[in-house]
Structure formats: C-alpha cells, structure tokens
Amino acid sequence: MKDGTIRKRSTFPLQLFGFHYKSRTHSSYGNIDVLQAACRQEVWINPLDAQKRGIANGDRVRVFNDRGEVRLPAKVTPRILPGVSAMGQGAWHNADMAGDKIDHGACINTLTTLRPSPPGKKGILNIQIWWKSKKSKPPSPGRFCAPGAPRFANTTTFKTLFLDEHSELL
C-alpha cells in the first residue's frame, strides 16, 4: 500500500472485524450491568485457528497489534471463517493510560488507526492474539465504568494471535 500501513501476515495472521452487538447500540447501554452479564464482550475465533493456538472456548486472550491491546474471553465458534476473528463494536474503553495502556473493556477502536476508512470500504484489522492456558473468570459486571476498578492481573503466561490492518481493500 502507498503508506506502508499493511502489516506482514506472518506477524499478524488473523483479520479482525467488528459487528453491531446485540446488547448495545454502538456504545449506548455499554454500562448496564445486566446487559454486561448477559452478553459479555468476546472475540470470535474459528475452531481451527483456536486449536492451532491452544485456545479453548472461554479462555481469556490478549488481542493486539502495533496500535494497542485488549483482553477479553474467546468465543470458539464455527460461525466464523478460519483466518478471521471478530469483536462486537461499542465496548467501553477501560485502560490505565498512565500505566500499561491495556484495554480491559475490549474496545475495538483500541486496535484501529485514526485514519478513516474510505467510504464503501470496510476497515479490517490484522491482529495477534495471546491466550493463557487456563480459563479465567470473566470480569464482574459494571467494572468497566468504575474509576479505579481493578485491572486484569498480568500474572499469567499468554500465547499469541496477531491481527494486521487492511483498511484499503478493493
């Protein structure tokens, strides 16, 4: 690409796209405890991709590229193609911007560029996801909007799953 923003597939092998999520209208209602408990933010990954990376359904994973990082549970499902992953858009950003800057609210915009996608073309990211080997308890509802809320403990070992950007697809 002209500006060199497309990342190597060897570094960021999975594409990531966002979809409208059933519990939110964009970011509206993203702070409602009952909706957070009923419809948790997850990254969808195909069983073939999950198996290659040792990811089980419900494992808490680290999704990142060179722009940012989010942490959230994985949803292993055949309802998404191999090589592709997806997250619901509209999750509220929840990162310690003076510290590690990891977004525990799993806002997909944490992984995007500020450059707008051309009209009629979908912005698709390529990412890498790291996962830990044990299932972790999902965050408690409502913690994403509480100032000073505890952060996801960075005490476990993570493996990796990458995503890169294809914002100028034909």
C-alpha atoms as a PDB file:
ATOM      1  CA  MET A   1       0.000   0.000   0.000  1.00  0.00           C
ATOM      2  CA  LYS A   2       1.020   3.604  -0.558  1.00  0.00           C
ATOM      3  CA  ASP A   3       1.679   4.490   3.063  1.00  0.00           C
ATOM      4  CA  GLY A   4       3.026   1.100   4.164  1.00  0.00           C
ATOM      5  CA  THR A   5       0.376   0.518   6.839  1.00  0.00           C
ATOM      6  CA  ILE A   6      -0.437  -3.078   5.922  1.00  0.00           C
ATOM      7  CA  ARG A   7       1.364  -5.387   8.319  1.00  0.00           C
ATOM      8  CA  LYS A   8       3.002  -8.656   7.342  1.00  0.00           C
ATOM      9  CA  ARG A   9       0.678 -11.618   7.583  1.00  0.00           C
ATOM     10  CA  SER A  10       3.477 -13.578   9.247  1.00  0.00           C
ATOM     11  CA  THR A  11       3.400 -11.146  12.158  1.00  0.00           C
ATOM     12  CA  PHE A  12      -0.361 -10.522  12.200  1.00  0.00           C
ATOM     13  CA  PRO A  13      -2.000 -13.610  10.621  1.00  0.00           C
ATOM     14  CA  LEU A  14      -5.647 -13.077  11.614  1.00  0.00           C
ATOM     15  CA  GLN A  15      -8.040 -10.489  10.260  1.00  0.00           C
ATOM     16  CA  LEU A  16     -10.340  -8.786  12.757  1.00  0.00           C
ATOM     17  CA  PHE A  17     -13.605  -7.042  12.022  1.00  0.00           C
ATOM     18  CA  GLY A  18     -16.274  -5.503  14.219  1.00  0.00           C
ATOM     19  CA  PHE A  19     -20.001  -6.107  14.201  1.00  0.00           C
ATOM     20  CA  HIS A  20     -23.009  -4.468  15.838  1.00  0.00           C
ATOM     21  CA  TYR A  21     -23.515  -6.194  19.157  1.00  0.00           C
ATOM     22  CA  LYS A  22     -26.871  -7.421  20.465  1.00  0.00           C
ATOM     23  CA  SER A  23     -26.624  -5.731  23.874  1.00  0.00           C
ATOM     24  CA  ARG A  24     -25.581  -2.263  22.684  1.00  0.00           C
ATOM     25  CA  THR A  25     -26.495   0.391  20.154  1.00  0.00           C
ATOM     26  CA  HIS A  26     -22.962   1.381  19.235  1.00  0.00           C
ATOM     27  CA  SER A  27     -21.667   2.293  22.722  1.00  0.00           C
ATOM     28  CA  SER A  28     -25.073   3.107  24.230  1.00  0.00           C
ATOM     29  CA  TYR A  29     -26.068   0.756  27.052  1.00  0.00           C
ATOM     30  CA  GLY A  30     -22.477  -0.467  27.370  1.00  0.00           C
ATOM     31  CA  ASN A  31     -22.500   0.384  31.077  1.00  0.00           C
ATOM     32  CA  ILE A  32     -25.648  -1.583  32.007  1.00  0.00           C
ATOM     33  CA  ASP A  33     -24.662  -4.334  34.466  1.00  0.00           C
ATOM     34  CA  VAL A  34     -27.467  -6.717  33.473  1.00  0.00           C
ATOM     35  CA  LEU A  35     -26.556  -6.459  29.783  1.00  0.00           C
ATOM     36  CA  GLN A  36     -22.848  -6.936  30.516  1.00  0.00           C
ATOM     37  CA  ALA A  37     -23.627 -10.098  32.480  1.00  0.00           C
ATOM     38  CA  ALA A  38     -25.994 -11.480  29.821  1.00  0.00           C
ATOM     39  CA  CYS A  39     -23.872 -10.593  26.780  1.00  0.00           C
ATOM     40  CA  ARG A  40     -20.193 -10.474  27.573  1.00  0.00           C
ATOM     41  CA  GLN A  41     -17.699  -8.943  25.175  1.00  0.00           C
ATOM     42  CA  GLU A  42     -15.840 -11.760  23.366  1.00  0.00           C
ATOM     43  CA  VAL A  43     -13.520 -12.224  20.410  1.00  0.00           C
ATOM     44  CA  TRP A  44     -14.846 -14.827  17.975  1.00  0.00           C
ATOM     45  CA  ILE A  45     -12.315 -17.288  16.573  1.00  0.00           C
ATOM     46  CA  ASN A  46     -12.728 -20.331  14.329  1.00  0.00           C
ATOM     47  CA  PRO A  47     -12.092 -23.761  15.950  1.00  0.00           C
ATOM     48  CA  LEU A  48      -9.229 -24.481  13.501  1.00  0.00           C
ATOM     49  CA  ASP A  49      -7.440 -21.247  14.451  1.00  0.00           C
ATOM     50  CA  ALA A  50      -8.171 -21.826  18.134  1.00  0.00           C
ATOM     51  CA  GLN A  51      -6.836 -25.386  18.031  1.00  0.00           C
ATOM     52  CA  LYS A  52      -3.567 -24.248  16.388  1.00  0.00           C
ATOM     53  CA  ARG A  53      -3.086 -21.767  19.224  1.00  0.00           C
ATOM     54  CA  GLY A  54      -4.311 -23.867  22.144  1.00  0.00           C
ATOM     55  CA  ILE A  55      -7.324 -21.628  22.775  1.00  0.00           C
ATOM     56  CA  ALA A  56     -10.443 -23.117  24.376  1.00  0.00           C
ATOM     57  CA  ASN A  57     -13.873 -21.515  24.487  1.00  0.00           C
ATOM     58  CA  GLY A  58     -13.953 -19.022  27.375  1.00  0.00           C
ATOM     59  CA  ASP A  59     -10.166 -18.617  27.672  1.00  0.00           C
ATOM     60  CA  ARG A  60      -9.162 -15.030  28.370  1.00  0.00           C
ATOM     61  CA  VAL A  61      -6.974 -13.835  25.495  1.00  0.00           C
ATOM     62  CA  ARG A  62      -4.744 -10.906  24.671  1.00  0.00           C
ATOM     63  CA  VAL A  63      -5.639  -9.338  21.285  1.00  0.00           C
ATOM     64  CA  PHE A  64      -3.129  -6.821  19.959  1.00  0.00           C
ATOM     65  CA  ASN A  65      -1.327  -5.191  17.097  1.00  0.00           C
ATOM     66  CA  ASP A  66       1.168  -2.335  16.961  1.00  0.00           C
ATOM     67  CA  ARG A  67      -1.591   0.172  17.825  1.00  0.00           C
ATOM     68  CA  GLY A  68      -2.929  -1.294  21.045  1.00  0.00           C
ATOM     69  CA  GLU A  69      -4.025  -4.253  23.116  1.00  0.00           C
ATOM     70  CA  VAL A  70      -7.303  -5.543  24.544  1.00  0.00           C
ATOM     71  CA  ARG A  71      -8.036  -8.513  26.809  1.00  0.00           C
ATOM     72  CA  LEU A  72     -11.278 -10.476  26.703  1.00  0.00           C
ATOM     73  CA  PRO A  73     -12.687 -14.024  26.577  1.00  0.00           C
ATOM     74  CA  ALA A  74     -12.534 -16.077  23.375  1.00  0.00           C
ATOM     75  CA  LYS A  75     -15.643 -17.494  21.752  1.00  0.00           C
ATOM     76  CA  VAL A  76     -14.584 -20.529  19.714  1.00  0.00           C
ATOM     77  CA  THR A  77     -17.210 -20.961  17.008  1.00  0.00           C
ATOM     78  CA  PRO A  78     -17.527 -22.421  13.504  1.00  0.00           C
ATOM     79  CA  ARG A  79     -19.730 -19.410  12.692  1.00  0.00           C
ATOM     80  CA  ILE A  80     -16.607 -17.504  11.608  1.00  0.00           C
ATOM     81  CA  LEU A  81     -14.171 -18.430   8.833  1.00  0.00           C
ATOM     82  CA  PRO A  82     -10.622 -19.628   9.513  1.00  0.00           C
ATOM     83  CA  GLY A  83      -8.136 -16.749   9.441  1.00  0.00           C
ATOM     84  CA  VAL A  84     -10.797 -14.294  10.593  1.00  0.00           C
ATOM     85  CA  SER A  85     -11.817 -13.106  14.054  1.00  0.00           C
ATOM     86  CA  ALA A  86     -14.469 -10.642  15.181  1.00  0.00           C
ATOM     87  CA  MET A  87     -15.455  -8.470  18.136  1.00  0.00           C
ATOM     88  CA  GLY A  88     -18.640  -6.606  18.933  1.00  0.00           C
ATOM     89  CA  GLN A  89     -18.138  -2.887  18.440  1.00  0.00           C
ATOM     90  CA  GLY A  90     -19.168  -0.328  21.038  1.00  0.00           C
ATOM     91  CA  ALA A  91     -17.481  -1.745  24.154  1.00  0.00           C
ATOM     92  CA  TRP A  92     -16.297   0.958  26.524  1.00  0.00           C
ATOM     93  CA  HIS A  93     -12.572   1.680  26.689  1.00  0.00           C
ATOM     94  CA  ASN A  94     -11.092   0.810  30.104  1.00  0.00           C
ATOM     95  CA  ALA A  95      -7.331   1.258  30.225  1.00  0.00           C
ATOM     96  CA  ASP A  96      -4.845   2.796  32.617  1.00  0.00           C
ATOM     97  CA  MET A  97      -3.439   5.326  30.153  1.00  0.00           C
ATOM     98  CA  ALA A  98      -0.738   6.373  32.626  1.00  0.00           C
ATOM     99  CA  GLY A  99       0.297   2.728  33.100  1.00  0.00           C
ATOM    100  CA  ASP A 100       0.224  -0.334  30.842  1.00  0.00           C
ATOM    101  CA  LYS A 101      -2.474   1.104  28.473  1.00  0.00           C
ATOM    102  CA  ILE A 102      -4.082  -2.352  28.109  1.00  0.00           C
ATOM    103  CA  ASP A 103      -7.792  -2.020  27.391  1.00  0.00           C
ATOM    104  CA  HIS A 104      -9.697  -4.398  29.672  1.00  0.00           C
ATOM    105  CA  GLY A 105     -13.018  -3.077  28.351  1.00  0.00           C
ATOM    106  CA  ALA A 106     -12.101  -4.534  24.923  1.00  0.00           C
ATOM    107  CA  CYS A 107     -12.976  -1.508  22.800  1.00  0.00           C
ATOM    108  CA  ILE A 108     -12.197  -2.478  19.199  1.00  0.00           C
ATOM    109  CA  ASN A 109     -11.076   1.107  18.478  1.00  0.00           C
ATOM    110  CA  THR A 110      -8.028   0.455  20.659  1.00  0.00           C
ATOM    111  CA  LEU A 111      -6.695  -1.602  17.720  1.00  0.00           C
ATOM    112  CA  THR A 112      -7.535   0.809  14.890  1.00  0.00           C
ATOM    113  CA  THR A 113      -5.793   3.702  13.231  1.00  0.00           C
ATOM    114  CA  LEU A 114      -7.093   7.260  13.457  1.00  0.00           C
ATOM    115  CA  ARG A 115      -7.117   7.387   9.662  1.00  0.00           C
ATOM    116  CA  PRO A 116     -10.710   6.960   8.426  1.00  0.00           C
ATOM    117  CA  SER A 117     -11.577   4.106   6.096  1.00  0.00           C
ATOM    118  CA  PRO A 118     -12.575   5.219   2.602  1.00  0.00           C
ATOM    119  CA  PRO A 119     -16.376   5.311   2.094  1.00  0.00           C
ATOM    120  CA  GLY A 120     -17.744   1.993   0.908  1.00  0.00           C
ATOM    121  CA  LYS A 121     -14.713   0.063   2.122  1.00  0.00           C
ATOM    122  CA  LYS A 122     -14.701  -1.773   5.423  1.00  0.00           C
ATOM    123  CA  GLY A 123     -11.814  -1.212   7.786  1.00  0.00           C
ATOM    124  CA  ILE A 124     -10.424  -4.653   8.586  1.00  0.00           C
ATOM    125  CA  LEU A 125      -7.582  -5.123  11.042  1.00  0.00           C
ATOM    126  CA  ASN A 126      -4.975  -7.796  11.307  1.00  0.00           C
ATOM    127  CA  ILE A 127      -4.044  -8.681  14.865  1.00  0.00           C
ATOM    128  CA  GLN A 128      -2.229 -11.140  17.036  1.00  0.00           C
ATOM    129  CA  ILE A 129      -3.930 -12.781  20.000  1.00  0.00           C
ATOM    130  CA  TRP A 130      -2.121 -14.199  23.006  1.00  0.00           C
ATOM    131  CA  TRP A 131      -4.021 -16.516  25.275  1.00  0.00           C
ATOM    132  CA  LYS A 132      -3.368 -18.119  28.595  1.00  0.00           C
ATOM    133  CA  SER A 133      -3.642 -21.847  29.064  1.00  0.00           C
ATOM    134  CA  LYS A 134      -6.239 -21.849  31.861  1.00  0.00           C
ATOM    135  CA  LYS A 135      -9.755 -20.489  31.724  1.00  0.00           C
ATOM    136  CA  SER A 136     -10.198 -17.317  33.698  1.00  0.00           C
ATOM    137  CA  LYS A 137     -13.194 -15.900  35.434  1.00  0.00           C
ATOM    138  CA  PRO A 138     -14.896 -13.164  33.394  1.00  0.00           C
ATOM    139  CA  PRO A 139     -14.729  -9.667  34.868  1.00  0.00           C
ATOM    140  CA  SER A 140     -17.560  -8.718  37.169  1.00  0.00           C
ATOM    141  CA  PRO A 141     -20.410  -6.742  35.567  1.00  0.00           C
ATOM    142  CA  GLY A 142     -20.156  -2.980  35.855  1.00  0.00           C
ATOM    143  CA  ARG A 143     -16.439  -2.832  36.482  1.00  0.00           C
ATOM    144  CA  PHE A 144     -15.727  -1.260  33.103  1.00  0.00           C
ATOM    145  CA  CYS A 145     -17.198   2.079  34.110  1.00  0.00           C
ATOM    146  CA  ALA A 146     -15.954   2.250  37.708  1.00  0.00           C
ATOM    147  CA  PRO A 147     -12.989   4.605  38.210  1.00  0.00           C
ATOM    148  CA  GLY A 148     -10.112   2.840  39.911  1.00  0.00           C
ATOM    149  CA  ALA A 149     -11.612  -0.588  39.217  1.00  0.00           C
ATOM    150  CA  PRO A 150      -9.161  -3.486  39.490  1.00  0.00           C
ATOM    151  CA  ARG A 151      -7.353  -4.346  36.281  1.00  0.00           C
ATOM    152  CA  PHE A 152      -6.903  -7.819  34.791  1.00  0.00           C
ATOM    153  CA  ALA A 153      -3.918  -9.232  36.639  1.00  0.00           C
ATOM    154  CA  ASN A 154      -0.909  -9.543  34.375  1.00  0.00           C
ATOM    155  CA  THR A 155       0.349 -12.590  36.270  1.00  0.00           C
ATOM    156  CA  THR A 156      -0.329 -15.394  33.782  1.00  0.00           C
ATOM    157  CA  THR A 157       1.537 -16.549  30.731  1.00  0.00           C
ATOM    158  CA  PHE A 158      -0.047 -15.643  27.417  1.00  0.00           C
ATOM    159  CA  LYS A 159       0.420 -17.131  23.959  1.00  0.00           C
ATOM    160  CA  THR A 160      -0.201 -15.094  20.793  1.00  0.00           C
ATOM    161  CA  LEU A 161      -2.722 -14.465  17.981  1.00  0.00           C
ATOM    162  CA  PHE A 162      -1.993 -11.491  15.646  1.00  0.00           C
ATOM    163  CA  LEU A 163      -4.135  -9.163  13.506  1.00  0.00           C
ATOM    164  CA  ASP A 164      -2.961  -6.643  10.853  1.00  0.00           C
ATOM    165  CA  GLU A 165      -4.774  -3.854   9.056  1.00  0.00           C
ATOM    166  CA  HIS A 166      -6.336  -3.947   5.592  1.00  0.00           C
ATOM    167  CA  SER A 167      -8.117  -0.606   5.508  1.00  0.00           C
ATOM    168  CA  GLU A 168      -7.784  -0.047   1.774  1.00  0.00           C
ATOM    169  CA  LEU A 169      -9.323  -3.227   0.407  1.00  0.00           C
ATOM    170  CA  LEU A 170     -10.692  -3.041  -3.135  1.00  0.00           C
END
